[in-house]
């Protein structure tokens, strides 16, 4: 069996994944951040009232699907019917068949922190379909921050919607006609801007 270390996880780093679980008999997917402190357990913080938290507390088994394509992340948020689901190998939970790797886990502890729950789950099985870098937002944010810093003297203060539009403009410039351009346009539409 593959391990979290083989996936490239580092202790205490937060990685973006799409968590899949069953909601009754229907596959459910939602983006979350996950980390590990010992490579045997994973930890996720979840807000109270979410369907995903309800599913985990009810069924106790779920899958953490790594992503290397932001379109899958987008689909988990806004276009779930386009996600391709299969069944996990060792637990009773759905898996995203288009994800590079899946981490099958079983709930071992849930701690009520007031507005959210801290979920600890034991790694049962790791399936690597193909190698890819895990998504940790720090790298991209550093690049963007460095680039933005070089332009600060030339930019007036901007509202978030202006920053979204600027990111869209850049994506159209560096990846014209791409799925990333499409996702950004959809995001702007969803945000009503």
N, C-alpha and C. Protein backbone atom coordinates (compact mmCIF):
# COMPACT_ATOMS: atom_id res chain seq x y z
N UNK A 1 0.85 -1.19 0.00
CA UNK A 1 0.00 0.00 0.00
C UNK A 1 0.89 1.25 0.00
N UNK A 2 0.49 2.23 -0.75
CA UNK A 2 1.18 3.51 -0.76
C UNK A 2 0.93 4.25 0.56
N UNK A 3 1.74 5.25 0.81
CA UNK A 3 1.62 6.00 2.07
C UNK A 3 1.48 7.50 1.79
N UNK A 4 1.13 8.23 2.84
CA UNK A 4 1.03 9.68 2.72
C UNK A 4 2.38 10.29 2.36
N UNK A 5 3.46 9.72 2.87
CA UNK A 5 4.79 10.21 2.53
C UNK A 5 5.07 10.02 1.04
N UNK A 6 4.65 8.88 0.49
CA UNK A 6 4.84 8.63 -0.94
C UNK A 6 4.04 9.62 -1.79
N UNK A 7 2.93 10.09 -1.26
CA UNK A 7 2.15 11.12 -1.96
C UNK A 7 2.86 12.47 -1.96
N UNK A 8 3.79 12.64 -1.04
CA UNK A 8 4.51 13.91 -0.94
C UNK A 8 4.04 14.79 0.20
N UNK A 9 3.18 14.26 1.06
CA UNK A 9 2.71 15.05 2.20
C UNK A 9 3.86 15.36 3.15
N UNK A 10 3.79 16.55 3.71
CA UNK A 10 4.74 16.97 4.73
C UNK A 10 3.98 17.21 6.02
N UNK A 11 4.63 16.93 7.11
CA UNK A 11 4.02 17.08 8.43
C UNK A 11 3.53 18.52 8.64
N UNK A 12 2.26 18.65 9.04
CA UNK A 12 1.62 19.91 9.41
C UNK A 12 1.35 20.87 8.24
N UNK A 13 1.63 20.47 7.03
CA UNK A 13 1.25 21.30 5.87
C UNK A 13 -0.21 21.05 5.57
N UNK A 14 -0.92 22.09 5.14
CA UNK A 14 -2.33 21.98 4.78
C UNK A 14 -2.44 21.82 3.27
N UNK A 15 -3.09 20.75 2.84
CA UNK A 15 -3.26 20.45 1.42
C UNK A 15 -4.73 20.53 1.03
N UNK A 16 -4.97 20.98 -0.18
CA UNK A 16 -6.33 21.07 -0.70
C UNK A 16 -6.71 19.73 -1.33
N UNK A 17 -7.86 19.21 -0.93
CA UNK A 17 -8.39 17.95 -1.47
C UNK A 17 -9.88 18.12 -1.72
N UNK A 18 -10.45 17.16 -2.42
CA UNK A 18 -11.91 17.07 -2.53
C UNK A 18 -12.31 15.84 -1.74
N UNK A 19 -13.08 16.06 -0.69
CA UNK A 19 -13.53 14.99 0.18
C UNK A 19 -14.80 14.39 -0.41
N UNK A 20 -14.84 13.07 -0.51
CA UNK A 20 -16.06 12.41 -1.01
C UNK A 20 -16.61 11.49 0.08
N UNK A 21 -17.93 11.50 0.18
CA UNK A 21 -18.64 10.71 1.18
C UNK A 21 -20.01 10.36 0.61
N UNK A 22 -20.68 9.47 1.29
CA UNK A 22 -22.06 9.17 0.90
C UNK A 22 -23.01 10.04 1.71
N UNK A 23 -24.04 10.54 1.05
CA UNK A 23 -25.16 11.22 1.67
C UNK A 23 -26.35 10.32 1.38
N UNK A 24 -26.68 9.47 2.32
CA UNK A 24 -27.57 8.33 2.10
C UNK A 24 -26.86 7.44 1.08
N UNK A 25 -27.40 7.21 -0.10
CA UNK A 25 -26.70 6.41 -1.11
C UNK A 25 -26.15 7.25 -2.25
N UNK A 26 -26.18 8.56 -2.09
CA UNK A 26 -25.75 9.47 -3.14
C UNK A 26 -24.33 9.97 -2.86
N UNK A 27 -23.43 9.88 -3.85
CA UNK A 27 -22.08 10.42 -3.65
C UNK A 27 -22.13 11.94 -3.46
N UNK A 28 -21.31 12.41 -2.56
CA UNK A 28 -21.23 13.83 -2.21
C UNK A 28 -19.76 14.23 -2.26
N UNK A 29 -19.46 15.44 -2.74
CA UNK A 29 -18.08 15.91 -2.80
C UNK A 29 -18.00 17.36 -2.37
N UNK A 30 -16.93 17.70 -1.66
CA UNK A 30 -16.72 19.08 -1.21
C UNK A 30 -15.22 19.30 -0.96
N UNK A 31 -14.73 20.49 -1.29
CA UNK A 31 -13.32 20.80 -1.06
C UNK A 31 -13.03 21.04 0.43
N UNK A 32 -11.86 20.58 0.85
CA UNK A 32 -11.40 20.79 2.23
C UNK A 32 -9.89 20.86 2.26
N UNK A 33 -9.38 21.40 3.35
CA UNK A 33 -7.96 21.35 3.64
C UNK A 33 -7.70 20.21 4.61
N UNK A 34 -6.61 19.49 4.38
CA UNK A 34 -6.27 18.34 5.23
C UNK A 34 -4.79 18.40 5.60
N UNK A 35 -4.49 17.96 6.81
CA UNK A 35 -3.09 17.88 7.21
C UNK A 35 -2.86 16.61 8.02
N UNK A 36 -1.58 16.29 8.20
CA UNK A 36 -1.21 15.15 9.01
C UNK A 36 -0.08 15.56 9.95
N UNK A 37 -0.07 14.96 11.12
CA UNK A 37 1.03 15.19 12.05
C UNK A 37 1.91 13.96 12.20
N UNK A 38 1.38 12.79 11.82
CA UNK A 38 2.14 11.55 12.02
C UNK A 38 2.09 10.57 10.85
N UNK A 39 1.44 10.94 9.76
CA UNK A 39 1.33 10.14 8.54
C UNK A 39 0.44 8.90 8.69
N UNK A 40 -0.19 8.73 9.85
CA UNK A 40 -1.17 7.66 10.06
C UNK A 40 -2.57 8.22 10.20
N UNK A 41 -2.66 9.43 10.74
CA UNK A 41 -3.93 10.12 10.92
C UNK A 41 -3.93 11.40 10.10
N UNK A 42 -5.11 11.80 9.65
CA UNK A 42 -5.29 13.09 8.99
C UNK A 42 -6.28 13.90 9.81
N UNK A 43 -6.15 15.22 9.72
CA UNK A 43 -7.01 16.13 10.48
C UNK A 43 -7.66 17.13 9.53
N UNK A 44 -8.95 17.34 9.74
CA UNK A 44 -9.72 18.28 8.92
C UNK A 44 -10.60 19.10 9.86
N UNK A 45 -10.68 20.40 9.61
CA UNK A 45 -11.59 21.26 10.36
C UNK A 45 -12.82 21.50 9.50
N UNK A 46 -14.01 21.27 10.08
CA UNK A 46 -15.27 21.41 9.34
C UNK A 46 -16.26 22.25 10.13
N UNK A 47 -16.93 23.15 9.41
CA UNK A 47 -17.95 23.97 10.05
C UNK A 47 -19.19 23.14 10.36
N UNK A 48 -19.82 23.48 11.48
CA UNK A 48 -21.08 22.83 11.85
C UNK A 48 -22.14 23.15 10.81
N UNK A 49 -23.05 22.20 10.61
CA UNK A 49 -24.16 22.42 9.69
C UNK A 49 -23.87 21.99 8.27
N UNK A 50 -22.64 21.60 7.97
CA UNK A 50 -22.33 21.20 6.59
C UNK A 50 -22.82 19.77 6.34
N UNK A 51 -23.23 19.51 5.11
CA UNK A 51 -23.63 18.16 4.73
C UNK A 51 -22.48 17.19 4.89
N UNK A 52 -21.28 17.63 4.56
CA UNK A 52 -20.11 16.76 4.64
C UNK A 52 -19.88 16.31 6.08
N UNK A 53 -19.95 17.23 7.03
CA UNK A 53 -19.77 16.87 8.44
C UNK A 53 -20.84 15.86 8.86
N UNK A 54 -22.08 16.10 8.47
CA UNK A 54 -23.17 15.17 8.81
C UNK A 54 -22.87 13.78 8.25
N UNK A 55 -22.41 13.72 7.01
CA UNK A 55 -22.09 12.43 6.38
C UNK A 55 -20.98 11.70 7.14
N UNK A 56 -19.95 12.42 7.51
CA UNK A 56 -18.81 11.81 8.20
C UNK A 56 -19.22 11.29 9.57
N UNK A 57 -19.99 12.08 10.30
CA UNK A 57 -20.43 11.65 11.62
C UNK A 57 -21.41 10.48 11.54
N UNK A 58 -22.15 10.40 10.44
CA UNK A 58 -23.11 9.31 10.26
C UNK A 58 -22.44 8.03 9.79
N UNK A 59 -21.64 8.12 8.73
CA UNK A 59 -21.10 6.91 8.08
C UNK A 59 -19.68 6.55 8.51
N UNK A 60 -18.95 7.49 9.07
CA UNK A 60 -17.62 7.25 9.65
C UNK A 60 -16.52 6.93 8.64
N UNK A 61 -16.82 6.83 7.35
CA UNK A 61 -15.82 6.54 6.33
C UNK A 61 -15.95 7.54 5.19
N UNK A 62 -14.79 7.97 4.67
CA UNK A 62 -14.80 8.94 3.57
C UNK A 62 -13.46 8.89 2.86
N UNK A 63 -13.38 9.59 1.73
CA UNK A 63 -12.17 9.57 0.91
C UNK A 63 -11.68 11.00 0.69
N UNK A 64 -10.38 11.17 0.79
CA UNK A 64 -9.72 12.43 0.48
C UNK A 64 -9.08 12.27 -0.89
N UNK A 65 -9.60 12.97 -1.87
CA UNK A 65 -9.13 12.87 -3.24
C UNK A 65 -8.19 14.03 -3.54
N UNK A 66 -6.94 13.72 -3.89
CA UNK A 66 -6.01 14.79 -4.22
C UNK A 66 -6.42 15.38 -5.56
N UNK A 67 -6.04 16.62 -5.79
CA UNK A 67 -6.39 17.28 -7.05
C UNK A 67 -5.14 17.89 -7.66
N UNK A 68 -5.09 17.88 -8.97
CA UNK A 68 -4.03 18.60 -9.68
C UNK A 68 -4.64 19.49 -10.75
N UNK A 69 -5.96 19.55 -10.75
CA UNK A 69 -6.70 20.33 -11.74
C UNK A 69 -7.76 21.17 -11.02
N UNK A 70 -7.67 22.49 -11.09
CA UNK A 70 -8.66 23.32 -10.40
C UNK A 70 -10.09 23.14 -10.90
N UNK A 71 -10.26 22.56 -12.07
CA UNK A 71 -11.61 22.31 -12.59
C UNK A 71 -12.35 21.33 -11.68
N UNK A 72 -11.65 20.33 -11.16
CA UNK A 72 -12.29 19.37 -10.25
C UNK A 72 -12.71 20.08 -8.96
N UNK A 73 -11.87 20.96 -8.47
CA UNK A 73 -12.20 21.76 -7.29
C UNK A 73 -13.44 22.60 -7.56
N UNK A 74 -13.48 23.24 -8.73
CA UNK A 74 -14.64 24.04 -9.15
C UNK A 74 -15.90 23.17 -9.20
N UNK A 75 -15.77 21.99 -9.81
CA UNK A 75 -16.93 21.10 -9.92
C UNK A 75 -17.45 20.70 -8.54
N UNK A 76 -16.56 20.47 -7.60
CA UNK A 76 -16.99 20.10 -6.25
C UNK A 76 -17.77 21.23 -5.59
N UNK A 77 -17.47 22.45 -5.97
CA UNK A 77 -18.18 23.60 -5.42
C UNK A 77 -19.48 23.93 -6.16
N UNK A 78 -19.43 23.90 -7.50
CA UNK A 78 -20.52 24.48 -8.30
C UNK A 78 -21.13 23.57 -9.36
N UNK A 79 -20.52 22.45 -9.65
CA UNK A 79 -20.96 21.65 -10.80
C UNK A 79 -20.80 20.16 -10.51
N UNK A 80 -21.34 19.71 -9.37
CA UNK A 80 -21.10 18.35 -8.86
C UNK A 80 -21.56 17.24 -9.80
N UNK A 81 -22.56 17.53 -10.62
CA UNK A 81 -23.05 16.46 -11.51
C UNK A 81 -22.02 16.05 -12.56
N UNK A 82 -20.98 16.85 -12.74
CA UNK A 82 -19.94 16.50 -13.72
C UNK A 82 -18.80 15.68 -13.12
N UNK A 83 -18.84 15.41 -11.83
CA UNK A 83 -17.80 14.62 -11.18
C UNK A 83 -18.03 13.15 -11.46
N UNK A 84 -16.96 12.45 -11.80
CA UNK A 84 -17.01 11.00 -12.03
C UNK A 84 -16.67 10.27 -10.73
N UNK A 85 -17.63 9.51 -10.22
CA UNK A 85 -17.45 8.77 -8.98
C UNK A 85 -17.28 7.28 -9.25
N UNK A 86 -16.50 6.63 -8.42
CA UNK A 86 -16.39 5.18 -8.36
C UNK A 86 -16.51 4.79 -6.90
N UNK A 87 -16.16 3.55 -6.60
CA UNK A 87 -16.23 3.08 -5.21
C UNK A 87 -14.82 2.88 -4.66
N UNK A 88 -14.66 3.21 -3.39
CA UNK A 88 -13.38 3.01 -2.72
C UNK A 88 -13.07 1.51 -2.64
N UNK A 89 -11.80 1.18 -2.49
CA UNK A 89 -11.38 -0.22 -2.46
C UNK A 89 -11.57 -0.89 -1.11
N UNK A 90 -11.33 -0.17 -0.01
CA UNK A 90 -11.31 -0.79 1.32
C UNK A 90 -12.41 -0.31 2.27
N UNK A 91 -13.13 0.73 1.90
CA UNK A 91 -14.17 1.27 2.77
C UNK A 91 -15.43 1.51 1.94
N UNK A 92 -16.52 1.83 2.62
CA UNK A 92 -17.77 2.12 1.94
C UNK A 92 -17.91 3.63 1.74
N UNK A 93 -17.32 4.11 0.64
CA UNK A 93 -17.37 5.54 0.32
C UNK A 93 -17.10 5.72 -1.16
N UNK A 94 -17.59 6.82 -1.74
CA UNK A 94 -17.29 7.09 -3.15
C UNK A 94 -15.89 7.68 -3.29
N UNK A 95 -15.34 7.53 -4.48
CA UNK A 95 -14.03 8.07 -4.80
C UNK A 95 -14.14 8.84 -6.11
N UNK A 96 -13.35 9.90 -6.27
CA UNK A 96 -13.31 10.64 -7.54
C UNK A 96 -12.34 9.92 -8.47
N UNK A 97 -12.86 9.34 -9.52
CA UNK A 97 -12.01 8.54 -10.41
C UNK A 97 -11.02 9.37 -11.21
N UNK A 98 -11.26 10.68 -11.31
CA UNK A 98 -10.35 11.55 -12.06
C UNK A 98 -9.27 12.19 -11.18
N UNK A 99 -9.23 11.84 -9.91
CA UNK A 99 -8.21 12.41 -9.04
C UNK A 99 -6.91 11.62 -9.16
N UNK A 100 -5.76 12.28 -8.99
CA UNK A 100 -4.48 11.58 -9.09
C UNK A 100 -4.31 10.49 -8.03
N UNK A 101 -4.87 10.73 -6.84
CA UNK A 101 -4.74 9.76 -5.75
C UNK A 101 -5.92 9.91 -4.81
N UNK A 102 -6.22 8.83 -4.12
CA UNK A 102 -7.28 8.86 -3.12
C UNK A 102 -6.77 8.26 -1.83
N UNK A 103 -7.19 8.88 -0.73
CA UNK A 103 -6.80 8.44 0.60
C UNK A 103 -8.09 8.01 1.30
N UNK A 104 -8.25 6.72 1.49
CA UNK A 104 -9.44 6.19 2.16
C UNK A 104 -9.20 6.24 3.66
N UNK A 105 -10.16 6.82 4.38
CA UNK A 105 -9.98 7.03 5.82
C UNK A 105 -11.22 6.64 6.60
N UNK A 106 -10.99 6.42 7.89
CA UNK A 106 -12.08 6.06 8.81
C UNK A 106 -12.00 7.00 10.02
N UNK A 107 -13.13 7.56 10.40
CA UNK A 107 -13.22 8.49 11.53
C UNK A 107 -12.76 7.81 12.82
N UNK A 108 -11.88 8.48 13.56
CA UNK A 108 -11.46 7.97 14.87
C UNK A 108 -11.82 8.93 16.00
N UNK A 109 -11.98 10.22 15.67
CA UNK A 109 -12.29 11.19 16.71
C UNK A 109 -12.91 12.43 16.08
N UNK A 110 -13.88 13.01 16.79
CA UNK A 110 -14.45 14.29 16.38
C UNK A 110 -14.57 15.16 17.63
N UNK A 111 -14.04 16.36 17.53
CA UNK A 111 -14.03 17.27 18.67
C UNK A 111 -14.85 18.51 18.32
N UNK A 112 -15.86 18.80 19.14
CA UNK A 112 -16.70 19.98 18.95
C UNK A 112 -15.94 21.20 19.47
N UNK A 113 -15.62 22.12 18.57
CA UNK A 113 -14.87 23.32 18.93
C UNK A 113 -15.75 24.57 18.98
N UNK A 114 -17.05 24.38 19.00
CA UNK A 114 -17.98 25.52 19.02
C UNK A 114 -18.61 25.70 17.65
N UNK A 115 -17.99 26.52 16.80
CA UNK A 115 -18.54 26.75 15.45
C UNK A 115 -18.12 25.67 14.46
N UNK A 116 -17.15 24.86 14.85
CA UNK A 116 -16.68 23.82 13.93
C UNK A 116 -16.30 22.56 14.69
N UNK A 117 -16.00 21.52 13.95
CA UNK A 117 -15.52 20.26 14.48
C UNK A 117 -14.12 20.01 13.96
N UNK A 118 -13.28 19.42 14.80
CA UNK A 118 -11.99 18.92 14.37
C UNK A 118 -12.17 17.42 14.17
N UNK A 119 -11.92 16.97 12.96
CA UNK A 119 -12.10 15.57 12.59
C UNK A 119 -10.73 14.91 12.46
N UNK A 120 -10.53 13.80 13.15
CA UNK A 120 -9.33 12.98 13.00
C UNK A 120 -9.75 11.66 12.38
N UNK A 121 -9.03 11.24 11.35
CA UNK A 121 -9.36 10.00 10.67
C UNK A 121 -8.10 9.19 10.41
N UNK A 122 -8.23 7.88 10.55
CA UNK A 122 -7.10 6.97 10.32
C UNK A 122 -7.03 6.61 8.84
N UNK A 123 -5.82 6.61 8.32
CA UNK A 123 -5.60 6.22 6.92
C UNK A 123 -5.76 4.71 6.82
N UNK A 124 -6.68 4.28 5.94
CA UNK A 124 -6.94 2.86 5.71
C UNK A 124 -6.21 2.38 4.46
N UNK A 125 -6.25 3.21 3.40
CA UNK A 125 -5.68 2.79 2.12
C UNK A 125 -5.37 4.03 1.29
N UNK A 126 -4.23 4.02 0.62
CA UNK A 126 -3.83 5.10 -0.28
C UNK A 126 -3.66 4.51 -1.67
N UNK A 127 -4.40 5.06 -2.63
CA UNK A 127 -4.32 4.59 -4.01
C UNK A 127 -3.79 5.73 -4.88
N UNK A 128 -2.61 5.53 -5.47
CA UNK A 128 -2.03 6.53 -6.36
C UNK A 128 -2.28 6.10 -7.80
N UNK A 129 -3.09 6.88 -8.52
CA UNK A 129 -3.39 6.60 -9.92
C UNK A 129 -2.28 7.11 -10.83
N UNK A 130 -1.83 8.31 -10.54
CA UNK A 130 -0.66 8.87 -11.23
C UNK A 130 -0.02 9.92 -10.32
N UNK A 131 1.24 10.12 -10.52
CA UNK A 131 1.99 11.06 -9.69
C UNK A 131 1.63 12.50 -10.04
N UNK A 132 1.44 13.30 -9.01
CA UNK A 132 1.23 14.73 -9.20
C UNK A 132 1.59 15.43 -7.90
N UNK A 133 1.85 16.70 -8.00
CA UNK A 133 2.18 17.48 -6.81
C UNK A 133 0.91 17.79 -6.04
N UNK A 134 0.95 17.60 -4.73
CA UNK A 134 -0.18 17.97 -3.89
C UNK A 134 -0.33 19.49 -3.90
N UNK A 135 -1.57 19.93 -3.76
CA UNK A 135 -1.84 21.36 -3.80
C UNK A 135 -1.77 21.94 -2.39
N UNK A 136 -0.79 22.80 -2.20
CA UNK A 136 -0.63 23.60 -1.00
C UNK A 136 -0.61 25.04 -1.50
N UNK A 137 -1.53 25.86 -1.03
CA UNK A 137 -1.71 27.20 -1.60
C UNK A 137 -0.54 28.15 -1.39
N UNK A 138 0.37 27.82 -0.54
CA UNK A 138 1.47 28.74 -0.23
C UNK A 138 2.28 29.11 -1.46
N UNK A 139 2.64 28.14 -2.26
CA UNK A 139 3.50 28.37 -3.42
C UNK A 139 2.90 29.40 -4.38
N UNK A 140 1.67 29.17 -4.79
CA UNK A 140 1.01 30.09 -5.71
C UNK A 140 0.79 31.46 -5.10
N UNK A 141 0.45 31.48 -3.81
CA UNK A 141 0.23 32.77 -3.15
C UNK A 141 1.52 33.58 -3.03
N UNK A 142 2.61 32.89 -2.82
CA UNK A 142 3.89 33.60 -2.75
C UNK A 142 4.23 34.19 -4.11
N UNK A 143 4.09 33.40 -5.16
CA UNK A 143 4.35 33.93 -6.51
C UNK A 143 3.47 35.14 -6.79
N UNK A 144 2.17 35.01 -6.52
CA UNK A 144 1.25 36.11 -6.79
C UNK A 144 1.59 37.34 -5.95
N UNK A 145 1.93 37.11 -4.69
CA UNK A 145 2.28 38.22 -3.81
C UNK A 145 3.55 38.92 -4.27
N UNK A 146 4.52 38.15 -4.69
CA UNK A 146 5.77 38.75 -5.18
C UNK A 146 5.52 39.59 -6.43
N UNK A 147 4.75 39.05 -7.32
CA UNK A 147 4.44 39.78 -8.55
C UNK A 147 3.64 41.04 -8.24
N UNK A 148 2.64 40.90 -7.35
CA UNK A 148 1.82 42.05 -6.98
C UNK A 148 2.68 43.12 -6.29
N UNK A 149 3.62 42.67 -5.48
CA UNK A 149 4.49 43.62 -4.77
C UNK A 149 5.31 44.46 -5.74
N UNK A 150 5.73 43.88 -6.85
CA UNK A 150 6.51 44.65 -7.82
C UNK A 150 5.66 45.71 -8.51
N UNK A 151 4.36 45.55 -8.45
CA UNK A 151 3.45 46.49 -9.12
C UNK A 151 2.78 47.47 -8.16
N UNK A 152 2.98 47.29 -6.87
CA UNK A 152 2.29 48.12 -5.87
C UNK A 152 2.44 49.62 -6.12
N UNK A 153 3.62 50.10 -6.47
CA UNK A 153 3.74 51.55 -6.69
C UNK A 153 2.89 52.05 -7.87
N UNK A 154 2.50 51.15 -8.73
CA UNK A 154 1.78 51.54 -9.95
C UNK A 154 0.28 51.28 -9.87
N UNK A 155 -0.18 50.64 -8.79
CA UNK A 155 -1.59 50.27 -8.67
C UNK A 155 -2.28 51.08 -7.59
N UNK A 156 -3.47 51.53 -7.90
CA UNK A 156 -4.31 52.17 -6.88
C UNK A 156 -4.94 51.06 -6.05
N UNK A 157 -5.49 51.41 -4.91
CA UNK A 157 -6.19 50.39 -4.11
C UNK A 157 -7.32 49.80 -4.94
N UNK A 158 -7.51 48.48 -4.78
CA UNK A 158 -8.53 47.79 -5.57
C UNK A 158 -9.47 47.02 -4.67
N UNK A 159 -10.69 46.88 -5.14
CA UNK A 159 -11.68 46.06 -4.45
C UNK A 159 -11.49 44.61 -4.90
N UNK A 160 -11.99 43.65 -4.11
CA UNK A 160 -11.83 42.24 -4.49
C UNK A 160 -12.35 41.92 -5.89
N UNK A 161 -13.48 42.52 -6.30
CA UNK A 161 -14.01 42.22 -7.63
C UNK A 161 -13.03 42.67 -8.71
N UNK A 162 -12.34 43.76 -8.48
CA UNK A 162 -11.34 44.21 -9.45
C UNK A 162 -10.17 43.23 -9.51
N UNK A 163 -9.79 42.68 -8.37
CA UNK A 163 -8.72 41.68 -8.36
C UNK A 163 -9.14 40.41 -9.09
N UNK A 164 -10.39 40.00 -8.91
CA UNK A 164 -10.89 38.83 -9.66
C UNK A 164 -10.84 39.09 -11.16
N UNK A 165 -11.27 40.26 -11.56
CA UNK A 165 -11.24 40.61 -12.99
C UNK A 165 -9.80 40.66 -13.51
N UNK A 166 -8.90 41.17 -12.71
CA UNK A 166 -7.50 41.21 -13.11
C UNK A 166 -6.93 39.79 -13.26
N UNK A 167 -7.26 38.91 -12.31
CA UNK A 167 -6.82 37.51 -12.43
C UNK A 167 -7.38 36.87 -13.69
N UNK A 168 -8.63 37.16 -14.00
CA UNK A 168 -9.25 36.63 -15.22
C UNK A 168 -8.52 37.15 -16.46
N UNK A 169 -8.20 38.44 -16.46
CA UNK A 169 -7.47 39.02 -17.59
C UNK A 169 -6.13 38.31 -17.79
N UNK A 170 -5.44 38.06 -16.70
CA UNK A 170 -4.14 37.40 -16.78
C UNK A 170 -4.29 35.97 -17.28
N UNK A 171 -5.28 35.25 -16.77
CA UNK A 171 -5.51 33.86 -17.21
C UNK A 171 -5.81 33.82 -18.70
N UNK A 172 -6.64 34.76 -19.18
CA UNK A 172 -6.92 34.82 -20.62
C UNK A 172 -5.64 35.08 -21.41
N UNK A 173 -4.75 35.85 -20.84
CA UNK A 173 -3.50 36.18 -21.53
C UNK A 173 -2.53 35.00 -21.54
N UNK A 174 -2.38 34.31 -20.43
CA UNK A 174 -1.36 33.25 -20.34
C UNK A 174 -1.88 31.87 -20.73
N UNK A 175 -3.20 31.68 -20.76
CA UNK A 175 -3.77 30.38 -21.15
C UNK A 175 -5.07 30.61 -21.91
N UNK A 176 -5.00 31.31 -23.07
CA UNK A 176 -6.23 31.63 -23.81
C UNK A 176 -6.97 30.38 -24.28
N UNK A 177 -8.30 30.45 -24.16
CA UNK A 177 -9.15 29.34 -24.60
C UNK A 177 -9.07 28.11 -23.72
N UNK A 178 -8.45 28.23 -22.56
CA UNK A 178 -8.25 27.07 -21.68
C UNK A 178 -9.44 26.85 -20.75
N UNK A 179 -9.43 25.70 -20.10
CA UNK A 179 -10.45 25.40 -19.10
C UNK A 179 -10.30 26.34 -17.90
N UNK A 180 -9.09 26.84 -17.65
CA UNK A 180 -8.89 27.77 -16.55
C UNK A 180 -9.57 29.10 -16.83
N UNK A 181 -9.52 29.53 -18.08
CA UNK A 181 -10.24 30.75 -18.47
C UNK A 181 -11.73 30.56 -18.27
N UNK A 182 -12.23 29.39 -18.68
CA UNK A 182 -13.66 29.08 -18.53
C UNK A 182 -14.07 29.09 -17.06
N UNK A 183 -13.26 28.44 -16.19
CA UNK A 183 -13.59 28.38 -14.77
C UNK A 183 -13.61 29.79 -14.17
N UNK A 184 -12.66 30.62 -14.54
CA UNK A 184 -12.61 31.99 -14.00
C UNK A 184 -13.83 32.79 -14.46
N UNK A 185 -14.22 32.63 -15.72
CA UNK A 185 -15.42 33.32 -16.22
C UNK A 185 -16.65 32.85 -15.46
N UNK A 186 -16.74 31.53 -15.24
CA UNK A 186 -17.87 30.99 -14.49
C UNK A 186 -17.88 31.53 -13.05
N UNK A 187 -16.70 31.60 -12.45
CA UNK A 187 -16.60 32.12 -11.10
C UNK A 187 -17.07 33.58 -11.03
N UNK A 188 -16.66 34.38 -11.99
CA UNK A 188 -17.12 35.77 -12.04
C UNK A 188 -18.63 35.84 -12.19
N UNK A 189 -19.20 34.97 -13.03
CA UNK A 189 -20.66 34.92 -13.20
C UNK A 189 -21.35 34.52 -11.90
N UNK A 190 -20.79 33.52 -11.21
CA UNK A 190 -21.40 33.03 -9.97
C UNK A 190 -21.35 34.10 -8.87
N UNK A 191 -20.31 34.88 -8.91
CA UNK A 191 -20.15 35.93 -7.89
C UNK A 191 -20.96 37.18 -8.22
N UNK A 192 -21.61 37.19 -9.39
CA UNK A 192 -22.46 38.31 -9.77
C UNK A 192 -21.71 39.56 -10.16
N UNK A 193 -20.52 39.39 -10.68
CA UNK A 193 -19.71 40.56 -11.06
C UNK A 193 -19.55 40.60 -12.55
